[in-house]
Amino acid sequence: METTITATELARNLSDVLNRARYKGETFIVERNGEPVAKIEPPPQPGITLRELAALLAELPPLDDKFANDLDKARSILRDSALPKWPN
């Protein structure tokens, strides 16, 4: 959502405008004498979207039988390894 405000409104409500940008994702166009002079918007969020993650996963090569065999081997090693027993 983009809201146009005057520089005077910004000066009077700076804390509210900043909070609305940060926590509600709102964008403000600041005008002085009817001319746009600034834009206040939320900062970019770190990380990637689920759509970007799906696109990255789709680019990976398919898993082969060797990978499945490696997993089975790792599971058997972990299952067969004896955990230390608590003393009685």
N, C-alpha and C. Protein backbone atom coordinates (compact mmCIF):
# COMPACT_ATOMS: atom_id res chain seq x y z
N MET A 1 0.84 -1.17 0.00
CA MET A 1 0.00 0.00 0.00
C MET A 1 0.90 1.24 0.00
N GLU A 2 0.62 2.17 -0.88
CA GLU A 2 1.43 3.39 -0.98
C GLU A 2 0.56 4.59 -0.58
N THR A 3 1.07 5.38 0.36
CA THR A 3 0.35 6.54 0.86
C THR A 3 1.18 7.79 0.59
N THR A 4 0.53 8.84 0.11
CA THR A 4 1.22 10.11 -0.10
C THR A 4 0.97 11.00 1.11
N ILE A 5 2.06 11.54 1.66
CA ILE A 5 1.95 12.46 2.81
C ILE A 5 2.82 13.68 2.54
N THR A 6 2.50 14.75 3.23
CA THR A 6 3.32 15.96 3.08
C THR A 6 4.51 15.89 4.03
N ALA A 7 5.51 16.71 3.76
CA ALA A 7 6.68 16.76 4.64
C ALA A 7 6.27 17.20 6.04
N THR A 8 5.27 18.07 6.14
CA THR A 8 4.78 18.51 7.45
C THR A 8 4.14 17.35 8.20
N GLU A 9 3.32 16.55 7.50
CA GLU A 9 2.70 15.38 8.14
C GLU A 9 3.77 14.39 8.60
N LEU A 10 4.80 14.24 7.79
CA LEU A 10 5.89 13.34 8.18
C LEU A 10 6.57 13.85 9.44
N ALA A 11 6.85 15.15 9.49
CA ALA A 11 7.52 15.72 10.66
C ALA A 11 6.69 15.53 11.93
N ARG A 12 5.38 15.66 11.81
CA ARG A 12 4.48 15.53 12.97
C ARG A 12 4.28 14.06 13.39
N ASN A 13 4.42 13.15 12.44
CA ASN A 13 4.08 11.74 12.71
C ASN A 13 5.22 10.78 12.36
N LEU A 14 6.45 11.23 12.50
CA LEU A 14 7.59 10.43 12.05
C LEU A 14 7.60 9.04 12.68
N SER A 15 7.44 8.95 13.97
CA SER A 15 7.50 7.64 14.64
C SER A 15 6.42 6.71 14.11
N ASP A 16 5.20 7.22 13.94
CA ASP A 16 4.10 6.40 13.43
C ASP A 16 4.38 5.94 12.00
N VAL A 17 4.88 6.84 11.16
CA VAL A 17 5.18 6.50 9.77
C VAL A 17 6.25 5.42 9.71
N LEU A 18 7.30 5.57 10.50
CA LEU A 18 8.37 4.57 10.51
C LEU A 18 7.87 3.21 11.01
N ASN A 19 7.04 3.23 12.04
CA ASN A 19 6.48 1.97 12.56
C ASN A 19 5.58 1.30 11.52
N ARG A 20 4.78 2.08 10.84
CA ARG A 20 3.89 1.51 9.82
C ARG A 20 4.69 0.94 8.65
N ALA A 21 5.79 1.59 8.31
CA ALA A 21 6.64 1.06 7.24
C ALA A 21 7.30 -0.24 7.69
N ARG A 22 7.84 -0.24 8.88
CA ARG A 22 8.59 -1.40 9.37
C ARG A 22 7.71 -2.59 9.69
N TYR A 23 6.61 -2.37 10.42
CA TYR A 23 5.82 -3.47 10.94
C TYR A 23 4.59 -3.82 10.10
N LYS A 24 4.12 -2.89 9.29
CA LYS A 24 2.95 -3.18 8.47
C LYS A 24 3.28 -3.24 6.98
N GLY A 25 4.53 -2.93 6.64
CA GLY A 25 4.96 -3.02 5.25
C GLY A 25 4.44 -1.91 4.35
N GLU A 26 4.01 -0.79 4.94
CA GLU A 26 3.47 0.31 4.14
C GLU A 26 4.59 1.15 3.52
N THR A 27 4.26 1.78 2.40
CA THR A 27 5.19 2.66 1.70
C THR A 27 4.59 4.06 1.66
N PHE A 28 5.44 5.06 1.86
CA PHE A 28 4.99 6.46 1.87
C PHE A 28 5.79 7.27 0.85
N ILE A 29 5.08 8.09 0.10
CA ILE A 29 5.70 9.07 -0.78
C ILE A 29 5.56 10.42 -0.07
N VAL A 30 6.68 11.06 0.19
CA VAL A 30 6.68 12.34 0.90
C VAL A 30 6.75 13.46 -0.14
N GLU A 31 5.80 14.40 -0.03
CA GLU A 31 5.74 15.53 -0.97
C GLU A 31 6.03 16.84 -0.25
N ARG A 32 6.68 17.72 -0.98
CA ARG A 32 6.89 19.09 -0.50
C ARG A 32 6.43 20.01 -1.63
N ASN A 33 5.50 20.90 -1.31
CA ASN A 33 4.91 21.80 -2.31
C ASN A 33 4.33 21.01 -3.50
N GLY A 34 3.72 19.87 -3.20
CA GLY A 34 3.07 19.06 -4.23
C GLY A 34 4.01 18.22 -5.08
N GLU A 35 5.30 18.26 -4.81
CA GLU A 35 6.29 17.49 -5.58
C GLU A 35 6.83 16.35 -4.72
N PRO A 36 6.92 15.15 -5.26
CA PRO A 36 7.52 14.06 -4.49
C PRO A 36 9.00 14.32 -4.23
N VAL A 37 9.41 14.15 -2.97
CA VAL A 37 10.82 14.39 -2.63
C VAL A 37 11.48 13.18 -1.98
N ALA A 38 10.67 12.23 -1.49
CA ALA A 38 11.26 11.07 -0.82
C ALA A 38 10.27 9.92 -0.81
N LYS A 39 10.82 8.75 -0.60
CA LYS A 39 10.00 7.54 -0.48
C LYS A 39 10.47 6.80 0.76
N ILE A 40 9.53 6.44 1.61
CA ILE A 40 9.84 5.67 2.81
C ILE A 40 9.17 4.31 2.63
N GLU A 41 9.98 3.26 2.69
CA GLU A 41 9.45 1.92 2.50
C GLU A 41 10.14 0.95 3.44
N PRO A 42 9.56 -0.23 3.64
CA PRO A 42 10.19 -1.21 4.54
C PRO A 42 11.54 -1.66 3.99
N PRO A 43 12.45 -2.04 4.87
CA PRO A 43 13.74 -2.54 4.40
C PRO A 43 13.55 -3.91 3.75
N PRO A 44 14.46 -4.29 2.87
CA PRO A 44 14.35 -5.64 2.27
C PRO A 44 14.55 -6.70 3.35
N GLN A 45 13.81 -7.76 3.23
CA GLN A 45 13.90 -8.84 4.21
C GLN A 45 14.98 -9.83 3.78
N PRO A 46 15.77 -10.32 4.75
CA PRO A 46 16.80 -11.29 4.40
C PRO A 46 16.18 -12.63 4.02
N GLY A 47 16.92 -13.43 3.29
CA GLY A 47 16.45 -14.76 2.96
C GLY A 47 15.80 -14.81 1.59
N ILE A 48 15.14 -15.93 1.34
CA ILE A 48 14.49 -16.12 0.06
C ILE A 48 13.04 -16.52 0.28
N THR A 49 12.24 -16.34 -0.74
CA THR A 49 10.84 -16.73 -0.65
C THR A 49 10.71 -18.23 -0.94
N LEU A 50 9.55 -18.78 -0.62
CA LEU A 50 9.31 -20.19 -0.91
C LEU A 50 9.35 -20.46 -2.42
N ARG A 51 8.87 -19.51 -3.18
CA ARG A 51 8.90 -19.66 -4.65
C ARG A 51 10.36 -19.73 -5.13
N GLU A 52 11.23 -18.88 -4.57
CA GLU A 52 12.65 -18.91 -4.96
C GLU A 52 13.29 -20.23 -4.53
N LEU A 53 12.94 -20.72 -3.33
CA LEU A 53 13.48 -21.99 -2.86
C LEU A 53 13.04 -23.13 -3.77
N ALA A 54 11.77 -23.14 -4.16
CA ALA A 54 11.27 -24.18 -5.06
C ALA A 54 12.01 -24.15 -6.39
N ALA A 55 12.28 -22.96 -6.90
CA ALA A 55 13.00 -22.83 -8.17
C ALA A 55 14.43 -23.37 -8.03
N LEU A 56 15.07 -23.08 -6.90
CA LEU A 56 16.43 -23.59 -6.68
C LEU A 56 16.44 -25.11 -6.58
N LEU A 57 15.47 -25.67 -5.85
CA LEU A 57 15.40 -27.12 -5.70
C LEU A 57 15.11 -27.81 -7.04
N ALA A 58 14.32 -27.16 -7.88
CA ALA A 58 13.99 -27.74 -9.18
C ALA A 58 15.23 -27.82 -10.07
N GLU A 59 16.22 -26.98 -9.84
CA GLU A 59 17.44 -26.98 -10.65
C GLU A 59 18.45 -28.04 -10.23
N LEU A 60 18.25 -28.66 -9.06
CA LEU A 60 19.19 -29.67 -8.59
C LEU A 60 19.09 -30.93 -9.44
N PRO A 61 20.20 -31.62 -9.61
CA PRO A 61 20.13 -32.88 -10.37
C PRO A 61 19.35 -33.92 -9.56
N PRO A 62 18.73 -34.88 -10.24
CA PRO A 62 17.97 -35.91 -9.51
C PRO A 62 18.92 -36.80 -8.71
N LEU A 63 18.40 -37.35 -7.62
CA LEU A 63 19.19 -38.25 -6.80
C LEU A 63 19.28 -39.59 -7.50
N ASP A 64 20.44 -40.26 -7.36
CA ASP A 64 20.61 -41.56 -8.00
C ASP A 64 20.66 -42.66 -6.95
N ASP A 65 20.80 -43.89 -7.41
CA ASP A 65 20.84 -45.04 -6.51
C ASP A 65 22.03 -44.99 -5.56
N LYS A 66 23.13 -44.42 -6.02
CA LYS A 66 24.33 -44.33 -5.17
C LYS A 66 24.02 -43.52 -3.91
N PHE A 67 23.26 -42.43 -4.07
CA PHE A 67 22.90 -41.62 -2.91
C PHE A 67 22.05 -42.42 -1.93
N ALA A 68 21.07 -43.16 -2.45
CA ALA A 68 20.22 -43.99 -1.59
C ALA A 68 21.05 -45.04 -0.86
N ASN A 69 22.02 -45.63 -1.56
CA ASN A 69 22.90 -46.63 -0.92
C ASN A 69 23.73 -45.99 0.18
N ASP A 70 24.23 -44.78 -0.06
CA ASP A 70 25.00 -44.07 0.97
C ASP A 70 24.15 -43.81 2.20
N LEU A 71 22.89 -43.41 2.00
CA LEU A 71 22.00 -43.19 3.14
C LEU A 71 21.77 -44.47 3.93
N ASP A 72 21.51 -45.56 3.22
CA ASP A 72 21.30 -46.84 3.90
C ASP A 72 22.53 -47.24 4.70
N LYS A 73 23.71 -47.05 4.14
CA LYS A 73 24.95 -47.39 4.84
C LYS A 73 25.11 -46.53 6.10
N ALA A 74 24.85 -45.22 5.98
CA ALA A 74 24.97 -44.33 7.13
C ALA A 74 23.98 -44.74 8.23
N ARG A 75 22.75 -45.09 7.83
CA ARG A 75 21.75 -45.52 8.83
C ARG A 75 22.20 -46.79 9.55
N SER A 76 22.75 -47.73 8.79
CA SER A 76 23.16 -48.99 9.43
C SER A 76 24.34 -48.76 10.38
N ILE A 77 25.26 -47.88 10.02
CA ILE A 77 26.39 -47.57 10.90
C ILE A 77 25.88 -46.95 12.20
N LEU A 78 24.95 -46.00 12.06
CA LEU A 78 24.40 -45.35 13.26
C LEU A 78 23.61 -46.32 14.11
N ARG A 79 22.84 -47.19 13.46
CA ARG A 79 22.01 -48.15 14.19
C ARG A 79 22.89 -49.18 14.90
N ASP A 80 23.99 -49.59 14.24
CA ASP A 80 24.85 -50.63 14.79
C ASP A 80 25.82 -50.12 15.84
N SER A 81 26.05 -48.82 15.85
CA SER A 81 27.02 -48.31 16.82
C SER A 81 26.40 -48.38 18.22
N ALA A 82 27.15 -48.93 19.11
CA ALA A 82 26.66 -49.12 20.48
C ALA A 82 26.80 -47.81 21.25
N LEU A 83 25.71 -47.40 21.83
CA LEU A 83 25.75 -46.22 22.68
C LEU A 83 26.28 -46.62 24.04
N PRO A 84 27.03 -45.74 24.68
CA PRO A 84 27.52 -46.09 26.02
C PRO A 84 26.34 -46.29 26.97
N LYS A 85 26.46 -47.30 27.80
CA LYS A 85 25.40 -47.59 28.75
C LYS A 85 25.64 -46.87 30.06
N TRP A 86 24.54 -46.48 30.68
CA TRP A 86 24.64 -45.84 31.99
C TRP A 86 25.01 -46.90 33.01
N PRO A 87 25.88 -46.49 33.94
CA PRO A 87 26.24 -47.47 34.99
C PRO A 87 25.02 -47.78 35.86
N ASN A 88 24.95 -49.03 36.33
CA ASN A 88 23.84 -49.45 37.20
C ASN A 88 24.05 -49.02 38.62
